[in-house]
Amino acid sequence: MARLLACDLRYVDLHYADLSDAVIERTDLSNACLHNCLLQRARIKDSLLIEALMSGCDLTDADIQATHLNGVKLVGAKLDGARLGGVDGRVPSVLNLANMREASLIGADLRGVLLRDVNLHRANLTRANLAGAQLMGAVLRHADVTDADFTDVSLLSASLTFANFSKARNADIPAFKKNLR
């Protein structure tokens, strides 16, 4: 099991690395290449992954808190069961401007996470908990939101084209966006 504590790993190339069960705290991985990395069950806290390339990563059941992932590329990444939300004294993570196109977030905890201008085009958000998340300017075009919880989420400026919210929970769709295709 890898332990990365207070490391400066900006621009490092770790693509295809197996970091399953890793503990990553107070570490700067900004602009790092983590393409297709295994980060299953990894614990990432108080770290920076700004503009990191994480396309195809497997972050299943990862625990990511108080971490900045602004502009991260998570295209096709797997975040099923990942915990990024802020509850029970946890500080939520920040994913503003992240590209999560076609990412799998089945059952992910995204409560209170900042997801401004994030690309979730064709993402699978089945059973994800987004309560209190900030989705201003987010793109959810063709996203699967079946049984996802949108309690206290403003969808006013989010792009919802071709996303079927009929099976989403607690989604307050603005009247002018209803029946969009």
C-alpha atoms as a PDB file:
ATOM      1  CA  MET A   1       0.000   0.000   0.000  1.00  0.00           C
ATOM      2  CA  ALA A   2       1.404   3.373  -1.056  1.00  0.00           C
ATOM      3  CA  ARG A   3       1.545   6.245   1.419  1.00  0.00           C
ATOM      4  CA  LEU A   4       2.024   9.676  -0.127  1.00  0.00           C
ATOM      5  CA  LEU A   5       2.172  12.176   2.718  1.00  0.00           C
ATOM      6  CA  ALA A   6       3.044  15.852   2.100  1.00  0.00           C
ATOM      7  CA  CYS A   7       4.656  15.114  -1.279  1.00  0.00           C
ATOM      8  CA  ASP A   8       5.265  17.494  -4.179  1.00  0.00           C
ATOM      9  CA  LEU A   9       4.427  15.339  -7.200  1.00  0.00           C
ATOM     10  CA  ARG A  10       3.403  18.030  -9.678  1.00  0.00           C
ATOM     11  CA  TYR A  11       3.711  16.874 -13.303  1.00  0.00           C
ATOM     12  CA  VAL A  12       4.674  13.315 -12.269  1.00  0.00           C
ATOM     13  CA  ASP A  13       3.825  10.494 -14.686  1.00  0.00           C
ATOM     14  CA  LEU A  14       2.116   7.607 -12.876  1.00  0.00           C
ATOM     15  CA  HIS A  15      -0.115   6.348 -15.693  1.00  0.00           C
ATOM     16  CA  TYR A  16      -1.234   2.724 -15.267  1.00  0.00           C
ATOM     17  CA  ALA A  17       0.105   2.694 -11.669  1.00  0.00           C
ATOM     18  CA  ASP A  18      -1.666   0.520  -9.103  1.00  0.00           C
ATOM     19  CA  LEU A  19      -2.343   2.806  -6.147  1.00  0.00           C
ATOM     20  CA  SER A  20      -5.245   0.777  -4.765  1.00  0.00           C
ATOM     21  CA  ASP A  21      -5.724   1.321  -1.017  1.00  0.00           C
ATOM     22  CA  ALA A  22      -3.197   4.195  -1.122  1.00  0.00           C
ATOM     23  CA  VAL A  23      -3.214   6.932   1.510  1.00  0.00           C
ATOM     24  CA  ILE A  24      -2.618  10.316  -0.123  1.00  0.00           C
ATOM     25  CA  GLU A  25      -2.630  13.322   2.233  1.00  0.00           C
ATOM     26  CA  ARG A  26      -1.429  16.909   1.836  1.00  0.00           C
ATOM     27  CA  THR A  27       0.074  15.961  -1.530  1.00  0.00           C
ATOM     28  CA  ASP A  28       0.273  18.109  -4.668  1.00  0.00           C
ATOM     29  CA  LEU A  29      -0.459  16.042  -7.774  1.00  0.00           C
ATOM     30  CA  SER A  30      -1.381  19.048  -9.927  1.00  0.00           C
ATOM     31  CA  ASN A  31      -0.933  18.384 -13.647  1.00  0.00           C
ATOM     32  CA  ALA A  32       0.087  14.794 -12.867  1.00  0.00           C
ATOM     33  CA  CYS A  33      -0.570  12.038 -15.402  1.00  0.00           C
ATOM     34  CA  LEU A  34      -2.589   9.350 -13.623  1.00  0.00           C
ATOM     35  CA  HIS A  35      -4.190   8.028 -16.807  1.00  0.00           C
ATOM     36  CA  ASN A  36      -5.752   4.572 -16.240  1.00  0.00           C
ATOM     37  CA  CYS A  37      -4.459   4.399 -12.649  1.00  0.00           C
ATOM     38  CA  LEU A  38      -6.005   2.017 -10.153  1.00  0.00           C
ATOM     39  CA  LEU A  39      -7.026   4.050  -7.112  1.00  0.00           C
ATOM     40  CA  GLN A  40      -9.667   1.686  -5.742  1.00  0.00           C
ATOM     41  CA  ARG A  41     -10.402   2.359  -2.065  1.00  0.00           C
ATOM     42  CA  ALA A  42      -7.722   5.078  -2.014  1.00  0.00           C
ATOM     43  CA  ARG A  43      -7.958   7.670   0.752  1.00  0.00           C
ATOM     44  CA  ILE A  44      -7.185  11.132  -0.605  1.00  0.00           C
ATOM     45  CA  LYS A  45      -7.364  14.074   1.793  1.00  0.00           C
ATOM     46  CA  ASP A  46      -6.269  17.735   1.778  1.00  0.00           C
ATOM     47  CA  SER A  47      -4.545  17.284  -1.580  1.00  0.00           C
ATOM     48  CA  LEU A  48      -4.341  19.022  -4.952  1.00  0.00           C
ATOM     49  CA  LEU A  49      -5.155  17.236  -8.208  1.00  0.00           C
ATOM     50  CA  ILE A  50      -5.692  20.433 -10.215  1.00  0.00           C
ATOM     51  CA  GLU A  51      -5.637  19.817 -13.987  1.00  0.00           C
ATOM     52  CA  ALA A  52      -4.540  16.197 -13.367  1.00  0.00           C
ATOM     53  CA  LEU A  53      -5.047  13.731 -16.213  1.00  0.00           C
ATOM     54  CA  MET A  54      -7.082  10.900 -14.671  1.00  0.00           C
ATOM     55  CA  SER A  55      -9.011   9.609 -17.676  1.00  0.00           C
ATOM     56  CA  GLY A  56      -9.887   5.946 -17.341  1.00  0.00           C
ATOM     57  CA  CYS A  57      -8.921   5.844 -13.632  1.00  0.00           C
ATOM     58  CA  ASP A  58     -10.668   3.389 -11.340  1.00  0.00           C
ATOM     59  CA  LEU A  59     -11.576   5.236  -8.133  1.00  0.00           C
ATOM     60  CA  THR A  60     -14.187   2.709  -6.991  1.00  0.00           C
ATOM     61  CA  ASP A  61     -14.989   3.197  -3.286  1.00  0.00           C
ATOM     62  CA  ALA A  62     -12.316   5.915  -2.969  1.00  0.00           C
ATOM     63  CA  ASP A  63     -12.629   8.371  -0.064  1.00  0.00           C
ATOM     64  CA  ILE A  64     -11.732  11.845  -1.349  1.00  0.00           C
ATOM     65  CA  GLN A  65     -12.226  14.785   0.998  1.00  0.00           C
ATOM     66  CA  ALA A  66     -11.087  18.401   1.203  1.00  0.00           C
ATOM     67  CA  THR A  67      -9.291  17.899  -2.114  1.00  0.00           C
ATOM     68  CA  HIS A  68      -9.183  20.304  -5.065  1.00  0.00           C
ATOM     69  CA  LEU A  69      -9.717  18.601  -8.425  1.00  0.00           C
ATOM     70  CA  ASN A  70     -10.437  21.757 -10.442  1.00  0.00           C
ATOM     71  CA  GLY A  71     -10.035  21.116 -14.162  1.00  0.00           C
ATOM     72  CA  VAL A  72      -9.246  17.421 -13.630  1.00  0.00           C
ATOM     73  CA  LYS A  73      -9.789  15.127 -16.623  1.00  0.00           C
ATOM     74  CA  LEU A  74     -11.828  12.131 -15.466  1.00  0.00           C
ATOM     75  CA  VAL A  75     -13.171  11.118 -18.872  1.00  0.00           C
ATOM     76  CA  GLY A  76     -14.462   7.554 -18.697  1.00  0.00           C
ATOM     77  CA  ALA A  77     -13.279   7.214 -15.086  1.00  0.00           C
ATOM     78  CA  LYS A  78     -14.988   4.893 -12.626  1.00  0.00           C
ATOM     79  CA  LEU A  79     -16.007   6.517  -9.343  1.00  0.00           C
ATOM     80  CA  ASP A  80     -18.676   4.017  -8.280  1.00  0.00           C
ATOM     81  CA  GLY A  81     -19.279   4.261  -4.540  1.00  0.00           C
ATOM     82  CA  ALA A  82     -16.684   7.033  -4.187  1.00  0.00           C
ATOM     83  CA  ARG A  83     -17.169   9.474  -1.303  1.00  0.00           C
ATOM     84  CA  LEU A  84     -16.405  13.084  -2.204  1.00  0.00           C
ATOM     85  CA  GLY A  85     -19.205  14.700  -0.223  1.00  0.00           C
ATOM     86  CA  GLY A  86     -19.151  16.695   2.953  1.00  0.00           C
ATOM     87  CA  VAL A  87     -21.202  15.157   5.758  1.00  0.00           C
ATOM     88  CA  ASP A  88     -20.496  14.236   9.353  1.00  0.00           C
ATOM     89  CA  GLY A  89     -17.751  16.852   9.683  1.00  0.00           C
ATOM     90  CA  ARG A  90     -16.124  16.002   6.352  1.00  0.00           C
ATOM     91  CA  VAL A  91     -15.090  18.815   4.014  1.00  0.00           C
ATOM     92  CA  PRO A  92     -16.398  18.228   0.474  1.00  0.00           C
ATOM     93  CA  SER A  93     -14.070  18.144  -2.505  1.00  0.00           C
ATOM     94  CA  VAL A  94     -14.048  20.710  -5.324  1.00  0.00           C
ATOM     95  CA  LEU A  95     -14.356  19.645  -8.975  1.00  0.00           C
ATOM     96  CA  ASN A  96     -15.059  22.931 -10.755  1.00  0.00           C
ATOM     97  CA  LEU A  97     -14.383  22.784 -14.514  1.00  0.00           C
ATOM     98  CA  ALA A  98     -13.742  19.025 -14.312  1.00  0.00           C
ATOM     99  CA  ASN A  99     -14.282  16.921 -17.431  1.00  0.00           C
ATOM    100  CA  MET A 100     -16.182  13.835 -16.273  1.00  0.00           C
ATOM    101  CA  ARG A 101     -17.632  12.922 -19.651  1.00  0.00           C
ATOM    102  CA  GLU A 102     -18.857   9.295 -19.677  1.00  0.00           C
ATOM    103  CA  ALA A 103     -17.668   8.777 -16.093  1.00  0.00           C
ATOM    104  CA  SER A 104     -19.414   6.202 -13.922  1.00  0.00           C
ATOM    105  CA  LEU A 105     -20.541   7.610 -10.575  1.00  0.00           C
ATOM    106  CA  ILE A 106     -22.979   4.885  -9.562  1.00  0.00           C
ATOM    107  CA  GLY A 107     -23.836   5.303  -5.881  1.00  0.00           C
ATOM    108  CA  ALA A 108     -21.246   8.071  -5.439  1.00  0.00           C
ATOM    109  CA  ASP A 109     -21.588  10.494  -2.505  1.00  0.00           C
ATOM    110  CA  LEU A 110     -21.374  14.008  -3.944  1.00  0.00           C
ATOM    111  CA  ARG A 111     -23.216  15.846  -1.173  1.00  0.00           C
ATOM    112  CA  GLY A 112     -22.191  19.491  -1.046  1.00  0.00           C
ATOM    113  CA  VAL A 113     -19.493  19.047  -3.712  1.00  0.00           C
ATOM    114  CA  LEU A 114     -18.695  22.061  -5.915  1.00  0.00           C
ATOM    115  CA  LEU A 115     -19.304  20.956  -9.513  1.00  0.00           C
ATOM    116  CA  ARG A 116     -19.458  24.318 -11.289  1.00  0.00           C
ATOM    117  CA  ASP A 117     -19.092  24.140 -15.064  1.00  0.00           C
ATOM    118  CA  VAL A 118     -18.340  20.401 -14.845  1.00  0.00           C
ATOM    119  CA  ASN A 119     -18.879  18.223 -17.914  1.00  0.00           C
ATOM    120  CA  LEU A 120     -21.043  15.211 -17.004  1.00  0.00           C
ATOM    121  CA  HIS A 121     -22.096  14.461 -20.578  1.00  0.00           C
ATOM    122  CA  ARG A 122     -23.227  10.809 -20.766  1.00  0.00           C
ATOM    123  CA  ALA A 123     -22.109  10.244 -17.160  1.00  0.00           C
ATOM    124  CA  ASN A 124     -23.841   7.536 -15.144  1.00  0.00           C
ATOM    125  CA  LEU A 125     -25.129   9.103 -11.915  1.00  0.00           C
ATOM    126  CA  THR A 126     -27.446   6.218 -10.996  1.00  0.00           C
ATOM    127  CA  ARG A 127     -28.176   6.310  -7.222  1.00  0.00           C
ATOM    128  CA  ALA A 128     -25.637   9.117  -6.713  1.00  0.00           C
ATOM    129  CA  ASN A 129     -26.331  11.492  -3.831  1.00  0.00           C
ATOM    130  CA  LEU A 130     -25.917  15.066  -5.031  1.00  0.00           C
ATOM    131  CA  ALA A 131     -27.858  16.728  -2.195  1.00  0.00           C
ATOM    132  CA  GLY A 132     -26.658  20.309  -1.786  1.00  0.00           C
ATOM    133  CA  ALA A 133     -24.130  20.011  -4.628  1.00  0.00           C
ATOM    134  CA  GLN A 134     -23.485  23.135  -6.698  1.00  0.00           C
ATOM    135  CA  LEU A 135     -24.044  22.410 -10.389  1.00  0.00           C
ATOM    136  CA  MET A 136     -24.042  25.937 -11.849  1.00  0.00           C
ATOM    137  CA  GLY A 137     -23.190  25.715 -15.553  1.00  0.00           C
ATOM    138  CA  ALA A 138     -22.815  21.922 -15.387  1.00  0.00           C
ATOM    139  CA  VAL A 139     -23.484  19.865 -18.502  1.00  0.00           C
ATOM    140  CA  LEU A 140     -25.669  16.811 -17.832  1.00  0.00           C
ATOM    141  CA  ARG A 141     -26.534  16.153 -21.475  1.00  0.00           C
ATOM    142  CA  HIS A 142     -27.576  12.479 -21.906  1.00  0.00           C
ATOM    143  CA  ALA A 143     -26.586  11.754 -18.267  1.00  0.00           C
ATOM    144  CA  ASP A 144     -28.252   8.809 -16.523  1.00  0.00           C
ATOM    145  CA  VAL A 145     -29.739  10.246 -13.328  1.00  0.00           C
ATOM    146  CA  THR A 146     -31.922   7.263 -12.390  1.00  0.00           C
ATOM    147  CA  ASP A 147     -32.626   7.358  -8.636  1.00  0.00           C
ATOM    148  CA  ALA A 148     -30.030  10.125  -8.120  1.00  0.00           C
ATOM    149  CA  ASP A 149     -30.864  12.498  -5.241  1.00  0.00           C
ATOM    150  CA  PHE A 150     -30.956  16.189  -6.205  1.00  0.00           C
ATOM    151  CA  THR A 151     -32.220  17.595  -2.876  1.00  0.00           C
ATOM    152  CA  ASP A 152     -31.406  21.335  -2.613  1.00  0.00           C
ATOM    153  CA  VAL A 153     -29.653  21.391  -5.994  1.00  0.00           C
ATOM    154  CA  SER A 154     -30.320  24.307  -8.326  1.00  0.00           C
ATOM    155  CA  LEU A 155     -30.552  23.128 -11.920  1.00  0.00           C
ATOM    156  CA  LEU A 156     -31.354  26.614 -13.219  1.00  0.00           C
ATOM    157  CA  SER A 157     -28.111  27.093 -15.170  1.00  0.00           C
ATOM    158  CA  ALA A 158     -27.294  23.411 -15.783  1.00  0.00           C
ATOM    159  CA  SER A 159     -27.619  21.942 -19.267  1.00  0.00           C
ATOM    160  CA  LEU A 160     -30.128  19.075 -19.005  1.00  0.00           C
ATOM    161  CA  THR A 161     -30.739  18.362 -22.692  1.00  0.00           C
ATOM    162  CA  PHE A 162     -31.623  14.697 -23.309  1.00  0.00           C
ATOM    163  CA  ALA A 163     -31.201  13.810 -19.621  1.00  0.00           C
ATOM    164  CA  ASN A 164     -34.288  12.002 -18.301  1.00  0.00           C
ATOM    165  CA  PHE A 165     -35.048  13.352 -14.822  1.00  0.00           C
ATOM    166  CA  SER A 166     -38.348  11.450 -14.501  1.00  0.00           C
ATOM    167  CA  LYS A 167     -36.650   8.809 -12.321  1.00  0.00           C
ATOM    168  CA  ALA A 168     -34.405  11.206 -10.388  1.00  0.00           C
ATOM    169  CA  ARG A 169     -35.299  11.989  -6.786  1.00  0.00           C
ATOM    170  CA  ASN A 170     -36.058  15.495  -5.474  1.00  0.00           C
ATOM    171  CA  ALA A 171     -35.065  17.190  -8.739  1.00  0.00           C
ATOM    172  CA  ASP A 172     -36.576  20.656  -9.057  1.00  0.00           C
ATOM    173  CA  ILE A 173     -36.552  21.237 -12.807  1.00  0.00           C
ATOM    174  CA  PRO A 174     -37.268  24.867 -13.748  1.00  0.00           C
ATOM    175  CA  ALA A 175     -40.492  25.164 -15.758  1.00  0.00           C
ATOM    176  CA  PHE A 176     -38.720  26.517 -18.841  1.00  0.00           C
ATOM    177  CA  LYS A 177     -36.497  23.394 -18.943  1.00  0.00           C
ATOM    178  CA  LYS A 178     -39.228  20.800 -18.706  1.00  0.00           C
ATOM    179  CA  ASN A 179     -39.789  18.675 -21.799  1.00  0.00           C
ATOM    180  CA  LEU A 180     -36.374  19.524 -23.236  1.00  0.00           C
ATOM    181  CA  ARG A 181     -34.917  17.055 -25.687  1.00  0.00           C
END
